[in-house]
């Protein structure tokens, strides 16, 4: 019996970053859902039932931290969440940790960065 591949929701307002991330993740065998802003991610997360959500911090209207806060209120169980962002400063990483997010990948990134981040998340489960 074939097992269903894990689903990843990519949330980023940059189509270039989304397509790059999507390409790497598809090579790893994941099914992909996409949201180009936080508000659409709230809807998409309920429709695609992701195992992992990859969130950019800097987005218009609602940033990634606000999105994570809203997802925590909406989804039970909460999928694993990983941050992928150009915001690589202490305050951003500290805020992520306060929200329970321990995997933070800095942009620019490559497939190895994503794979290591994903392995880190799912090895501790």
PDB file of N, CA and C in Angstrom:
ATOM      1  N   UNK A   1       0.834  -1.171   0.000  1.00  0.00           N
ATOM      2  CA  UNK A   1       0.000   0.000   0.000  1.00  0.00           C
ATOM      3  C   UNK A   1       0.884   1.241   0.000  1.00  0.00           C
ATOM      4  N   UNK A   2       0.584   2.167  -0.882  1.00  0.00           N
ATOM      5  CA  UNK A   2       1.373   3.382  -1.011  1.00  0.00           C
ATOM      6  C   UNK A   2       0.910   4.412   0.023  1.00  0.00           C
ATOM      7  N   UNK A   3       1.859   5.013   0.754  1.00  0.00           N
ATOM      8  CA  UNK A   3       1.495   6.035   1.723  1.00  0.00           C
ATOM      9  C   UNK A   3       1.398   7.390   1.042  1.00  0.00           C
ATOM     10  N   UNK A   4       0.504   8.215   1.565  1.00  0.00           N
ATOM     11  CA  UNK A   4       0.302   9.554   1.015  1.00  0.00           C
ATOM     12  C   UNK A   4       1.507  10.422   1.366  1.00  0.00           C
ATOM     13  N   UNK A   5       2.032  11.158   0.387  1.00  0.00           N
ATOM     14  CA  UNK A   5       3.168  12.039   0.707  1.00  0.00           C
ATOM     15  C   UNK A   5       2.723  13.167   1.633  1.00  0.00           C
ATOM     16  N   UNK A   6       3.669  13.677   2.396  1.00  0.00           N
ATOM     17  CA  UNK A   6       3.373  14.792   3.281  1.00  0.00           C
ATOM     18  C   UNK A   6       3.093  16.041   2.457  1.00  0.00           C
ATOM     19  N   UNK A   7       2.238  16.900   2.998  1.00  0.00           N
ATOM     20  CA  UNK A   7       1.849  18.133   2.324  1.00  0.00           C
ATOM     21  C   UNK A   7       2.495  19.324   3.015  1.00  0.00           C
ATOM     22  N   UNK A   8       3.042  20.229   2.210  1.00  0.00           N
ATOM     23  CA  UNK A   8       3.676  21.444   2.710  1.00  0.00           C
ATOM     24  C   UNK A   8       2.943  22.653   2.142  1.00  0.00           C
ATOM     25  N   UNK A   9       2.585  23.585   3.018  1.00  0.00           N
ATOM     26  CA  UNK A   9       2.022  24.863   2.600  1.00  0.00           C
ATOM     27  C   UNK A   9       3.140  25.895   2.626  1.00  0.00           C
ATOM     28  N   UNK A  10       3.399  26.518   1.488  1.00  0.00           N
ATOM     29  CA  UNK A  10       4.408  27.570   1.376  1.00  0.00           C
ATOM     30  C   UNK A  10       3.677  28.907   1.411  1.00  0.00           C
ATOM     31  N   UNK A  11       4.084  29.791   2.336  1.00  0.00           N
ATOM     32  CA  UNK A  11       3.464  31.106   2.460  1.00  0.00           C
ATOM     33  C   UNK A  11       4.545  32.165   2.277  1.00  0.00           C
ATOM     34  N   UNK A  12       4.512  32.832   1.136  1.00  0.00           N
ATOM     35  CA  UNK A  12       5.512  33.861   0.822  1.00  0.00           C
ATOM     36  C   UNK A  12       4.920  34.774  -0.240  1.00  0.00           C
ATOM     37  N   UNK A  13       5.146  36.073  -0.112  1.00  0.00           N
ATOM     38  CA  UNK A  13       4.599  37.012  -1.088  1.00  0.00           C
ATOM     39  C   UNK A  13       5.469  37.138  -2.338  1.00  0.00           C
ATOM     40  N   UNK A  14       6.615  36.491  -2.352  1.00  0.00           N
ATOM     41  CA  UNK A  14       7.498  36.509  -3.518  1.00  0.00           C
ATOM     42  C   UNK A  14       7.282  35.252  -4.357  1.00  0.00           C
ATOM     43  N   UNK A  15       6.781  35.429  -5.573  1.00  0.00           N
ATOM     44  CA  UNK A  15       6.548  34.272  -6.436  1.00  0.00           C
ATOM     45  C   UNK A  15       7.852  33.552  -6.766  1.00  0.00           C
ATOM     46  N   UNK A  16       8.949  34.279  -6.844  1.00  0.00           N
ATOM     47  CA  UNK A  16      10.254  33.660  -7.106  1.00  0.00           C
ATOM     48  C   UNK A  16      10.618  32.711  -5.971  1.00  0.00           C
ATOM     49  N   UNK A  17      10.481  33.170  -4.739  1.00  0.00           N
ATOM     50  CA  UNK A  17      10.797  32.314  -3.588  1.00  0.00           C
ATOM     51  C   UNK A  17       9.857  31.120  -3.502  1.00  0.00           C
ATOM     52  N   UNK A  18       8.583  31.344  -3.801  1.00  0.00           N
ATOM     53  CA  UNK A  18       7.614  30.245  -3.767  1.00  0.00           C
ATOM     54  C   UNK A  18       7.997  29.179  -4.787  1.00  0.00           C
ATOM     55  N   UNK A  19       8.297  29.580  -6.014  1.00  0.00           N
ATOM     56  CA  UNK A  19       8.613  28.605  -7.062  1.00  0.00           C
ATOM     57  C   UNK A  19       9.918  27.863  -6.775  1.00  0.00           C
ATOM     58  N   UNK A  20      10.897  28.557  -6.218  1.00  0.00           N
ATOM     59  CA  UNK A  20      12.152  27.910  -5.852  1.00  0.00           C
ATOM     60  C   UNK A  20      11.918  26.880  -4.752  1.00  0.00           C
ATOM     61  N   UNK A  21      11.219  27.292  -3.723  1.00  0.00           N
ATOM     62  CA  UNK A  21      10.909  26.398  -2.609  1.00  0.00           C
ATOM     63  C   UNK A  21      10.078  25.206  -3.098  1.00  0.00           C
ATOM     64  N   UNK A  22       9.071  25.481  -3.922  1.00  0.00           N
ATOM     65  CA  UNK A  22       8.211  24.430  -4.479  1.00  0.00           C
ATOM     66  C   UNK A  22       9.032  23.412  -5.261  1.00  0.00           C
ATOM     67  N   UNK A  23       9.944  23.887  -6.073  1.00  0.00           N
ATOM     68  CA  UNK A  23      10.790  23.005  -6.871  1.00  0.00           C
ATOM     69  C   UNK A  23      11.609  22.064  -5.987  1.00  0.00           C
ATOM     70  N   UNK A  24      12.258  22.631  -4.973  1.00  0.00           N
ATOM     71  CA  UNK A  24      13.062  21.808  -4.054  1.00  0.00           C
ATOM     72  C   UNK A  24      12.191  20.778  -3.335  1.00  0.00           C
ATOM     73  N   UNK A  25      11.042  21.227  -2.846  1.00  0.00           N
ATOM     74  CA  UNK A  25      10.184  20.333  -2.060  1.00  0.00           C
ATOM     75  C   UNK A  25       9.569  19.228  -2.911  1.00  0.00           C
ATOM     76  N   UNK A  26       9.209  19.543  -4.153  1.00  0.00           N
ATOM     77  CA  UNK A  26       8.677  18.500  -5.037  1.00  0.00           C
ATOM     78  C   UNK A  26       9.736  17.448  -5.329  1.00  0.00           C
ATOM     79  N   UNK A  27      10.993  17.879  -5.482  1.00  0.00           N
ATOM     80  CA  UNK A  27      12.086  16.916  -5.682  1.00  0.00           C
ATOM     81  C   UNK A  27      12.224  15.988  -4.480  1.00  0.00           C
ATOM     82  N   UNK A  28      11.872  16.488  -3.294  1.00  0.00           N
ATOM     83  CA  UNK A  28      11.945  15.684  -2.071  1.00  0.00           C
ATOM     84  C   UNK A  28      10.710  14.803  -1.887  1.00  0.00           C
ATOM     85  N   UNK A  29       9.710  14.959  -2.770  1.00  0.00           N
ATOM     86  CA  UNK A  29       8.534  14.097  -2.721  1.00  0.00           C
ATOM     87  C   UNK A  29       7.335  14.658  -1.981  1.00  0.00           C
ATOM     88  N   UNK A  30       7.338  15.936  -1.650  1.00  0.00           N
ATOM     89  CA  UNK A  30       6.215  16.538  -0.941  1.00  0.00           C
ATOM     90  C   UNK A  30       5.137  17.008  -1.904  1.00  0.00           C
ATOM     91  N   UNK A  31       3.891  17.002  -1.435  1.00  0.00           N
ATOM     92  CA  UNK A  31       2.807  17.675  -2.138  1.00  0.00           C
ATOM     93  C   UNK A  31       2.813  19.115  -1.662  1.00  0.00           C
ATOM     94  N   UNK A  32       2.470  20.044  -2.551  1.00  0.00           N
ATOM     95  CA  UNK A  32       2.629  21.463  -2.249  1.00  0.00           C
ATOM     96  C   UNK A  32       1.308  22.212  -2.355  1.00  0.00           C
ATOM     97  N   UNK A  33       1.051  23.081  -1.384  1.00  0.00           N
ATOM     98  CA  UNK A  33      -0.007  24.084  -1.440  1.00  0.00           C
ATOM     99  C   UNK A  33       0.694  25.435  -1.331  1.00  0.00           C
ATOM    100  N   UNK A  34       0.095  26.457  -1.930  1.00  0.00           N
ATOM    101  CA  UNK A  34       0.739  27.771  -1.973  1.00  0.00           C
ATOM    102  C   UNK A  34      -0.234  28.859  -1.537  1.00  0.00           C
ATOM    103  N   UNK A  35       0.288  29.808  -0.760  1.00  0.00           N
ATOM    104  CA  UNK A  35      -0.450  31.030  -0.426  1.00  0.00           C
ATOM    105  C   UNK A  35       0.531  32.187  -0.569  1.00  0.00           C
ATOM    106  N   UNK A  36       0.099  33.239  -1.262  1.00  0.00           N
ATOM    107  CA  UNK A  36       0.984  34.374  -1.509  1.00  0.00           C
ATOM    108  C   UNK A  36       0.838  35.490  -0.475  1.00  0.00           C
ATOM    109  N   UNK A  37      -0.007  35.275   0.519  1.00  0.00           N
ATOM    110  CA  UNK A  37      -0.099  36.214   1.638  1.00  0.00           C
ATOM    111  C   UNK A  37      -0.704  35.485   2.831  1.00  0.00           C
ATOM    112  N   UNK A  38      -0.617  36.131   3.972  1.00  0.00           N
ATOM    113  CA  UNK A  38      -1.051  35.480   5.210  1.00  0.00           C
ATOM    114  C   UNK A  38      -2.557  35.224   5.236  1.00  0.00           C
ATOM    115  N   UNK A  39      -3.330  36.169   4.729  1.00  0.00           N
ATOM    116  CA  UNK A  39      -4.790  35.987   4.756  1.00  0.00           C
ATOM    117  C   UNK A  39      -5.220  34.777   3.935  1.00  0.00           C
ATOM    118  N   UNK A  40      -4.636  34.601   2.763  1.00  0.00           N
ATOM    119  CA  UNK A  40      -4.995  33.425   1.968  1.00  0.00           C
ATOM    120  C   UNK A  40      -4.448  32.149   2.610  1.00  0.00           C
ATOM    121  N   UNK A  41      -3.359  32.265   3.352  1.00  0.00           N
ATOM    122  CA  UNK A  41      -2.811  31.099   4.053  1.00  0.00           C
ATOM    123  C   UNK A  41      -3.770  30.580   5.120  1.00  0.00           C
ATOM    124  N   UNK A  42      -4.515  31.480   5.748  1.00  0.00           N
ATOM    125  CA  UNK A  42      -5.486  31.053   6.759  1.00  0.00           C
ATOM    126  C   UNK A  42      -6.554  30.156   6.142  1.00  0.00           C
ATOM    127  N   UNK A  43      -6.994  30.486   4.935  1.00  0.00           N
ATOM    128  CA  UNK A  43      -7.993  29.673   4.234  1.00  0.00           C
ATOM    129  C   UNK A  43      -7.354  28.402   3.685  1.00  0.00           C
ATOM    130  N   UNK A  44      -6.222  28.566   3.020  1.00  0.00           N
ATOM    131  CA  UNK A  44      -5.552  27.419   2.393  1.00  0.00           C
ATOM    132  C   UNK A  44      -5.155  26.369   3.428  1.00  0.00           C
ATOM    133  N   UNK A  45      -4.736  26.802   4.603  1.00  0.00           N
ATOM    134  CA  UNK A  45      -4.323  25.848   5.638  1.00  0.00           C
ATOM    135  C   UNK A  45      -5.474  24.941   6.059  1.00  0.00           C
ATOM    136  N   UNK A  46      -6.694  25.451   5.987  1.00  0.00           N
ATOM    137  CA  UNK A  46      -7.851  24.633   6.350  1.00  0.00           C
ATOM    138  C   UNK A  46      -8.260  23.699   5.213  1.00  0.00           C
ATOM    139  N   UNK A  47      -7.959  24.085   3.986  1.00  0.00           N
ATOM    140  CA  UNK A  47      -8.345  23.273   2.833  1.00  0.00           C
ATOM    141  C   UNK A  47      -7.331  22.197   2.475  1.00  0.00           C
ATOM    142  N   UNK A  48      -6.045  22.477   2.638  1.00  0.00           N
ATOM    143  CA  UNK A  48      -5.041  21.506   2.179  1.00  0.00           C
ATOM    144  C   UNK A  48      -4.475  20.645   3.311  1.00  0.00           C
ATOM    145  N   UNK A  49      -4.800  20.954   4.559  1.00  0.00           N
ATOM    146  CA  UNK A  49      -4.385  20.160   5.714  1.00  0.00           C
ATOM    147  C   UNK A  49      -2.885  19.825   5.685  1.00  0.00           C
ATOM    148  N   UNK A  50      -2.038  20.852   5.735  1.00  0.00           N
ATOM    149  CA  UNK A  50      -0.593  20.606   5.617  1.00  0.00           C
ATOM    150  C   UNK A  50       0.001  19.924   6.847  1.00  0.00           C
ATOM    151  N   UNK A  51       1.049  19.155   6.589  1.00  0.00           N
ATOM    152  CA  UNK A  51       1.849  18.578   7.669  1.00  0.00           C
ATOM    153  C   UNK A  51       2.896  19.582   8.142  1.00  0.00           C
ATOM    154  N   UNK A  52       3.270  20.487   7.233  1.00  0.00           N
ATOM    155  CA  UNK A  52       4.292  21.497   7.497  1.00  0.00           C
ATOM    156  C   UNK A  52       3.881  22.787   6.805  1.00  0.00           C
ATOM    157  N   UNK A  53       4.074  23.907   7.497  1.00  0.00           N
ATOM    158  CA  UNK A  53       3.843  25.222   6.903  1.00  0.00           C
ATOM    159  C   UNK A  53       5.164  25.978   6.930  1.00  0.00           C
ATOM    160  N   UNK A  54       5.600  26.451   5.765  1.00  0.00           N
ATOM    161  CA  UNK A  54       6.816  27.262   5.656  1.00  0.00           C
ATOM    162  C   UNK A  54       6.368  28.708   5.490  1.00  0.00           C
ATOM    163  N   UNK A  55       6.779  29.566   6.424  1.00  0.00           N
ATOM    164  CA  UNK A  55       6.258  30.927   6.507  1.00  0.00           C
ATOM    165  C   UNK A  55       7.378  31.954   6.348  1.00  0.00           C
ATOM    166  N   UNK A  56       7.128  32.930   5.479  1.00  0.00           N
ATOM    167  CA  UNK A  56       7.992  34.107   5.385  1.00  0.00           C
ATOM    168  C   UNK A  56       7.546  35.084   6.472  1.00  0.00           C
ATOM    169  N   UNK A  57       8.463  35.865   7.003  1.00  0.00           N
ATOM    170  CA  UNK A  57       8.100  36.837   8.043  1.00  0.00           C
ATOM    171  C   UNK A  57       7.540  38.111   7.430  1.00  0.00           C
ATOM    172  N   UNK A  58       8.273  38.676   6.484  1.00  0.00           N
ATOM    173  CA  UNK A  58       7.887  39.974   5.931  1.00  0.00           C
ATOM    174  C   UNK A  58       6.893  39.811   4.784  1.00  0.00           C
ATOM    175  N   UNK A  59       5.620  40.107   5.095  1.00  0.00           N
ATOM    176  CA  UNK A  59       4.567  40.074   4.083  1.00  0.00           C
ATOM    177  C   UNK A  59       3.655  41.272   4.330  1.00  0.00           C
ATOM    178  N   UNK A  60       2.994  41.758   3.281  1.00  0.00           N
ATOM    179  CA  UNK A  60       2.090  42.895   3.469  1.00  0.00           C
ATOM    180  C   UNK A  60       0.847  42.503   4.271  1.00  0.00           C
ATOM    181  N   UNK A  61       0.218  43.466   4.871  1.00  0.00           N
ATOM    182  CA  UNK A  61      -1.031  43.336   5.621  1.00  0.00           C
ATOM    183  C   UNK A  61      -0.876  42.565   6.926  1.00  0.00           C
ATOM    184  N   UNK A  62      -0.407  41.343   6.873  1.00  0.00           N
ATOM    185  CA  UNK A  62      -0.222  40.520   8.070  1.00  0.00           C
ATOM    186  C   UNK A  62       1.128  39.826   7.930  1.00  0.00           C
ATOM    187  N   UNK A  63       2.010  40.020   8.912  1.00  0.00           N
ATOM    188  CA  UNK A  63       3.334  39.396   8.795  1.00  0.00           C
ATOM    189  C   UNK A  63       3.282  37.930   9.226  1.00  0.00           C
ATOM    190  N   UNK A  64       4.391  37.250   9.064  1.00  0.00           N
ATOM    191  CA  UNK A  64       4.449  35.830   9.377  1.00  0.00           C
ATOM    192  C   UNK A  64       4.205  35.515  10.840  1.00  0.00           C
ATOM    193  N   UNK A  65       4.643  36.390  11.739  1.00  0.00           N
ATOM    194  CA  UNK A  65       4.415  36.165  13.162  1.00  0.00           C
ATOM    195  C   UNK A  65       2.923  36.264  13.498  1.00  0.00           C
ATOM    196  N   UNK A  66       2.253  37.250  12.899  1.00  0.00           N
ATOM    197  CA  UNK A  66       0.805  37.379  13.108  1.00  0.00           C
ATOM    198  C   UNK A  66       0.083  36.157  12.537  1.00  0.00           C
ATOM    199  N   UNK A  67       0.549  35.681  11.385  1.00  0.00           N
ATOM    200  CA  UNK A  67      -0.040  34.493  10.782  1.00  0.00           C
ATOM    201  C   UNK A  67       0.089  33.294  11.717  1.00  0.00           C
ATOM    202  N   UNK A  68       1.264  33.087  12.251  1.00  0.00           N
ATOM    203  CA  UNK A  68       1.481  31.942  13.150  1.00  0.00           C
ATOM    204  C   UNK A  68       0.559  32.043  14.364  1.00  0.00           C
ATOM    205  N   UNK A  69       0.416  33.234  14.908  1.00  0.00           N
ATOM    206  CA  UNK A  69      -0.481  33.437  16.055  1.00  0.00           C
ATOM    207  C   UNK A  69      -1.913  33.054  15.693  1.00  0.00           C
ATOM    208  N   UNK A  70      -2.362  33.458  14.504  1.00  0.00           N
ATOM    209  CA  UNK A  70      -3.719  33.122  14.060  1.00  0.00           C
ATOM    210  C   UNK A  70      -3.872  31.624  13.790  1.00  0.00           C
ATOM    211  N   UNK A  71      -2.858  31.022  13.181  1.00  0.00           N
ATOM    212  CA  UNK A  71      -2.917  29.580  12.917  1.00  0.00           C
ATOM    213  C   UNK A  71      -3.031  28.790  14.210  1.00  0.00           C
ATOM    214  N   UNK A  72      -2.343  29.239  15.248  1.00  0.00           N
ATOM    215  CA  UNK A  72      -2.412  28.558  16.544  1.00  0.00           C
ATOM    216  C   UNK A  72      -3.825  28.584  17.117  1.00  0.00           C
ATOM    217  N   UNK A  73      -4.576  29.639  16.823  1.00  0.00           N
ATOM    218  CA  UNK A  73      -5.954  29.738  17.293  1.00  0.00           C
ATOM    219  C   UNK A  73      -6.895  28.865  16.471  1.00  0.00           C
ATOM    220  N   UNK A  74      -6.585  28.689  15.181  1.00  0.00           N
ATOM    221  CA  UNK A  74      -7.487  28.034  14.244  1.00  0.00           C
ATOM    222  C   UNK A  74      -7.302  26.531  14.090  1.00  0.00           C
ATOM    223  N   UNK A  75      -6.063  26.096  14.075  1.00  0.00           N
ATOM    224  CA  UNK A  75      -5.786  24.711  13.694  1.00  0.00           C
ATOM    225  C   UNK A  75      -5.463  23.839  14.905  1.00  0.00           C
ATOM    226  N   UNK A  76      -6.118  22.713  14.954  1.00  0.00           N
ATOM    227  CA  UNK A  76      -5.822  21.739  15.995  1.00  0.00           C
ATOM    228  C   UNK A  76      -5.941  20.348  15.374  1.00  0.00           C
ATOM    229  N   UNK A  77      -4.890  19.604  15.343  1.00  0.00           N
ATOM    230  CA  UNK A  77      -3.558  19.961  15.830  1.00  0.00           C
ATOM    231  C   UNK A  77      -2.863  20.949  14.887  1.00  0.00           C
ATOM    232  N   UNK A  78      -1.964  21.700  15.447  1.00  0.00           N
ATOM    233  CA  UNK A  78      -1.195  22.664  14.661  1.00  0.00           C
ATOM    234  C   UNK A  78      -0.116  21.923  13.876  1.00  0.00           C
ATOM    235  N   UNK A  79      -0.045  22.156  12.561  1.00  0.00           N
ATOM    236  CA  UNK A  79       1.047  21.535  11.786  1.00  0.00           C
ATOM    237  C   UNK A  79       2.401  22.070  12.254  1.00  0.00           C
ATOM    238  N   UNK A  80       3.447  21.385  11.876  1.00  0.00           N
ATOM    239  CA  UNK A  80       4.786  21.895  12.132  1.00  0.00           C
ATOM    240  C   UNK A  80       4.974  23.174  11.320  1.00  0.00           C
ATOM    241  N   UNK A  81       5.733  24.125  11.867  1.00  0.00           N
ATOM    242  CA  UNK A  81       5.956  25.391  11.183  1.00  0.00           C
ATOM    243  C   UNK A  81       7.445  25.684  11.133  1.00  0.00           C
ATOM    244  N   UNK A  82       7.882  26.143   9.964  1.00  0.00           N
ATOM    245  CA  UNK A  82       9.271  26.539   9.756  1.00  0.00           C
ATOM    246  C   UNK A  82       9.270  27.934   9.155  1.00  0.00           C
ATOM    247  N   UNK A  83      10.176  28.781   9.620  1.00  0.00           N
ATOM    248  CA  UNK A  83      10.294  30.128   9.062  1.00  0.00           C
ATOM    249  C   UNK A  83      11.417  30.151   8.041  1.00  0.00           C
ATOM    250  N   UNK A  84      11.125  30.784   6.911  1.00  0.00           N
ATOM    251  CA  UNK A  84      12.088  30.975   5.829  1.00  0.00           C
ATOM    252  C   UNK A  84      12.072  32.462   5.519  1.00  0.00           C
ATOM    253  N   UNK A  85      13.113  33.192   5.941  1.00  0.00           N
ATOM    254  CA  UNK A  85      13.024  34.642   5.849  1.00  0.00           C
ATOM    255  C   UNK A  85      14.376  35.323   5.693  1.00  0.00           C
ATOM    256  N   UNK A  86      14.325  36.504   5.090  1.00  0.00           N
ATOM    257  CA  UNK A  86      15.510  37.355   4.993  1.00  0.00           C
ATOM    258  C   UNK A  86      15.764  38.073   6.314  1.00  0.00           C
ATOM    259  N   UNK A  87      14.766  38.114   7.188  1.00  0.00           N
ATOM    260  CA  UNK A  87      14.916  38.725   8.516  1.00  0.00           C
ATOM    261  C   UNK A  87      15.707  37.755   9.389  1.00  0.00           C
ATOM    262  N   UNK A  88      16.992  37.975   9.483  1.00  0.00           N
ATOM    263  CA  UNK A  88      17.884  37.031  10.164  1.00  0.00           C
ATOM    264  C   UNK A  88      18.463  37.626  11.445  1.00  0.00           C
ATOM    265  N   UNK A  89      17.774  38.585  12.037  1.00  0.00           N
ATOM    266  CA  UNK A  89      18.310  39.257  13.214  1.00  0.00           C
ATOM    267  C   UNK A  89      17.887  38.548  14.503  1.00  0.00           C
ATOM    268  N   UNK A  90      18.502  38.936  15.589  1.00  0.00           N
ATOM    269  CA  UNK A  90      18.235  38.330  16.895  1.00  0.00           C
ATOM    270  C   UNK A  90      16.760  38.458  17.278  1.00  0.00           C
ATOM    271  N   UNK A  91      16.165  39.646  17.098  1.00  0.00           N
ATOM    272  CA  UNK A  91      14.781  39.861  17.508  1.00  0.00           C
ATOM    273  C   UNK A  91      13.817  38.942  16.763  1.00  0.00           C
ATOM    274  N   UNK A  92      14.032  38.759  15.474  1.00  0.00           N
ATOM    275  CA  UNK A  92      13.159  37.878  14.695  1.00  0.00           C
ATOM    276  C   UNK A  92      13.286  36.433  15.164  1.00  0.00           C
ATOM    277  N   UNK A  93      14.507  35.996  15.375  1.00  0.00           N
ATOM    278  CA  UNK A  93      14.704  34.617  15.839  1.00  0.00           C
ATOM    279  C   UNK A  93      14.136  34.422  17.239  1.00  0.00           C
ATOM    280  N   UNK A  94      14.300  35.418  18.101  1.00  0.00           N
ATOM    281  CA  UNK A  94      13.773  35.337  19.460  1.00  0.00           C
ATOM    282  C   UNK A  94      12.241  35.277  19.443  1.00  0.00           C
ATOM    283  N   UNK A  95      11.625  36.099  18.614  1.00  0.00           N
ATOM    284  CA  UNK A  95      10.168  36.090  18.504  1.00  0.00           C
ATOM    285  C   UNK A  95       9.669  34.742  17.985  1.00  0.00           C
ATOM    286  N   UNK A  96      10.393  34.166  17.030  1.00  0.00           N
ATOM    287  CA  UNK A  96      10.032  32.846  16.510  1.00  0.00           C
ATOM    288  C   UNK A  96      10.075  31.803  17.629  1.00  0.00           C
ATOM    289  N   UNK A  97      11.121  31.838  18.422  1.00  0.00           N
ATOM    290  CA  UNK A  97      11.248  30.887  19.529  1.00  0.00           C
ATOM    291  C   UNK A  97      10.114  31.079  20.533  1.00  0.00           C
ATOM    292  N   UNK A  98       9.766  32.338  20.807  1.00  0.00           N
ATOM    293  CA  UNK A  98       8.644  32.604  21.713  1.00  0.00           C
ATOM    294  C   UNK A  98       7.338  32.006  21.195  1.00  0.00           C
ATOM    295  N   UNK A  99       7.189  31.932  19.893  1.00  0.00           N
ATOM    296  CA  UNK A  99       5.996  31.343  19.285  1.00  0.00           C
ATOM    297  C   UNK A  99       6.106  29.821  19.148  1.00  0.00           C
ATOM    298  N   UNK A 100       7.218  29.254  19.584  1.00  0.00           N
ATOM    299  CA  UNK A 100       7.402  27.807  19.526  1.00  0.00           C
ATOM    300  C   UNK A 100       8.008  27.305  18.238  1.00  0.00           C
ATOM    301  N   UNK A 101       8.544  28.217  17.423  1.00  0.00           N
ATOM    302  CA  UNK A 101       9.138  27.834  16.140  1.00  0.00           C
ATOM    303  C   UNK A 101      10.648  27.721  16.337  1.00  0.00           C
ATOM    304  N   UNK A 102      11.175  26.551  16.119  1.00  0.00           N
ATOM    305  CA  UNK A 102      12.601  26.331  16.369  1.00  0.00           C
ATOM    306  C   UNK A 102      13.435  26.216  15.097  1.00  0.00           C
ATOM    307  N   UNK A 103      12.773  26.121  13.949  1.00  0.00           N
ATOM    308  CA  UNK A 103      13.518  26.007  12.696  1.00  0.00           C
ATOM    309  C   UNK A 103      13.342  27.295  11.901  1.00  0.00           C
ATOM    310  N   UNK A 104      14.456  27.986  11.699  1.00  0.00           N
ATOM    311  CA  UNK A 104      14.486  29.302  11.075  1.00  0.00           C
ATOM    312  C   UNK A 104      15.566  29.259  10.004  1.00  0.00           C
ATOM    313  N   UNK A 105      15.165  29.324   8.741  1.00  0.00           N
ATOM    314  CA  UNK A 105      16.124  29.275   7.641  1.00  0.00           C
ATOM    315  C   UNK A 105      16.212  30.654   7.008  1.00  0.00           C
ATOM    316  N   UNK A 106      17.432  31.124   6.832  1.00  0.00           N
ATOM    317  CA  UNK A 106      17.663  32.450   6.269  1.00  0.00           C
ATOM    318  C   UNK A 106      17.694  32.392   4.749  1.00  0.00           C
ATOM    319  N   UNK A 107      17.151  33.447   4.132  1.00  0.00           N
ATOM    320  CA  UNK A 107      17.262  33.621   2.691  1.00  0.00           C
ATOM    321  C   UNK A 107      18.565  34.357   2.418  1.00  0.00           C
ATOM    322  N   UNK A 108      19.230  34.093   1.328  1.00  0.00           N
ATOM    323  CA  UNK A 108      18.905  33.084   0.317  1.00  0.00           C
ATOM    324  C   UNK A 108      19.115  31.674   0.862  1.00  0.00           C
ATOM    325  N   UNK A 109      18.400  30.724   0.292  1.00  0.00           N
ATOM    326  CA  UNK A 109      18.435  29.348   0.754  1.00  0.00           C
ATOM    327  C   UNK A 109      18.614  28.419  -0.439  1.00  0.00           C
ATOM    328  N   UNK A 110      18.900  27.158  -0.133  1.00  0.00           N
ATOM    329  CA  UNK A 110      18.980  26.146  -1.191  1.00  0.00           C
ATOM    330  C   UNK A 110      18.272  24.878  -0.719  1.00  0.00           C
ATOM    331  N   UNK A 111      18.253  23.887  -1.565  1.00  0.00           N
ATOM    332  CA  UNK A 111      17.566  22.640  -1.245  1.00  0.00           C
ATOM    333  C   UNK A 111      18.128  21.951  -0.021  1.00  0.00           C
ATOM    334  N   UNK A 112      19.434  22.018   0.173  1.00  0.00           N
ATOM    335  CA  UNK A 112      20.044  21.403   1.360  1.00  0.00           C
ATOM    336  C   UNK A 112      19.568  22.075   2.635  1.00  0.00           C
ATOM    337  N   UNK A 113      19.422  23.418   2.597  1.00  0.00           N
ATOM    338  CA  UNK A 113      18.929  24.140   3.769  1.00  0.00           C
ATOM    339  C   UNK A 113      17.519  23.669   4.129  1.00  0.00           C
ATOM    340  N   UNK A 114      16.663  23.556   3.117  1.00  0.00           N
ATOM    341  CA  UNK A 114      15.294  23.096   3.355  1.00  0.00           C
ATOM    342  C   UNK A 114      15.268  21.673   3.894  1.00  0.00           C
ATOM    343  N   UNK A 115      16.047  20.814   3.279  1.00  0.00           N
ATOM    344  CA  UNK A 115      16.068  19.414   3.705  1.00  0.00           C
ATOM    345  C   UNK A 115      16.542  19.279   5.144  1.00  0.00           C
ATOM    346  N   UNK A 116      17.587  20.016   5.510  1.00  0.00           N
ATOM    347  CA  UNK A 116      18.074  19.968   6.895  1.00  0.00           C
ATOM    348  C   UNK A 116      17.029  20.491   7.870  1.00  0.00           C
ATOM    349  N   UNK A 117      16.363  21.603   7.494  1.00  0.00           N
ATOM    350  CA  UNK A 117      15.325  22.153   8.348  1.00  0.00           C
ATOM    351  C   UNK A 117      14.174  21.186   8.555  1.00  0.00           C
ATOM    352  N   UNK A 118      13.736  20.558   7.485  1.00  0.00           N
ATOM    353  CA  UNK A 118      12.637  19.595   7.562  1.00  0.00           C
ATOM    354  C   UNK A 118      13.054  18.380   8.379  1.00  0.00           C
ATOM    355  N   UNK A 119      14.260  17.882   8.148  1.00  0.00           N
ATOM    356  CA  UNK A 119      14.741  16.739   8.933  1.00  0.00           C
ATOM    357  C   UNK A 119      14.832  17.094  10.408  1.00  0.00           C
ATOM    358  N   UNK A 120      15.236  18.329  10.705  1.00  0.00           N
ATOM    359  CA  UNK A 120      15.304  18.772  12.098  1.00  0.00           C
ATOM    360  C   UNK A 120      13.924  18.760  12.750  1.00  0.00           C
ATOM    361  N   UNK A 121      12.939  19.260  12.043  1.00  0.00           N
ATOM    362  CA  UNK A 121      11.584  19.315  12.591  1.00  0.00           C
ATOM    363  C   UNK A 121      11.038  17.929  12.851  1.00  0.00           C
ATOM    364  N   UNK A 122      11.129  17.053  11.867  1.00  0.00           N
ATOM    365  CA  UNK A 122      10.473  15.759  11.989  1.00  0.00           C
ATOM    366  C   UNK A 122      11.301  14.718  12.736  1.00  0.00           C
ATOM    367  N   UNK A 123      12.571  15.003  13.001  1.00  0.00           N
ATOM    368  CA  UNK A 123      13.371  14.062  13.794  1.00  0.00           C
ATOM    369  C   UNK A 123      13.073  14.204  15.293  1.00  0.00           C
ATOM    370  N   UNK A 124      12.524  15.352  15.688  1.00  0.00           N
ATOM    371  CA  UNK A 124      12.240  15.572  17.114  1.00  0.00           C
ATOM    372  C   UNK A 124      10.803  15.223  17.486  1.00  0.00           C
ATOM    373  N   UNK A 125      10.029  14.792  16.513  1.00  0.00           N
ATOM    374  CA  UNK A 125       8.627  14.467  16.793  1.00  0.00           C
ATOM    375  C   UNK A 125       8.495  13.109  17.443  1.00  0.00           C
TER     376      UNK A 125
END
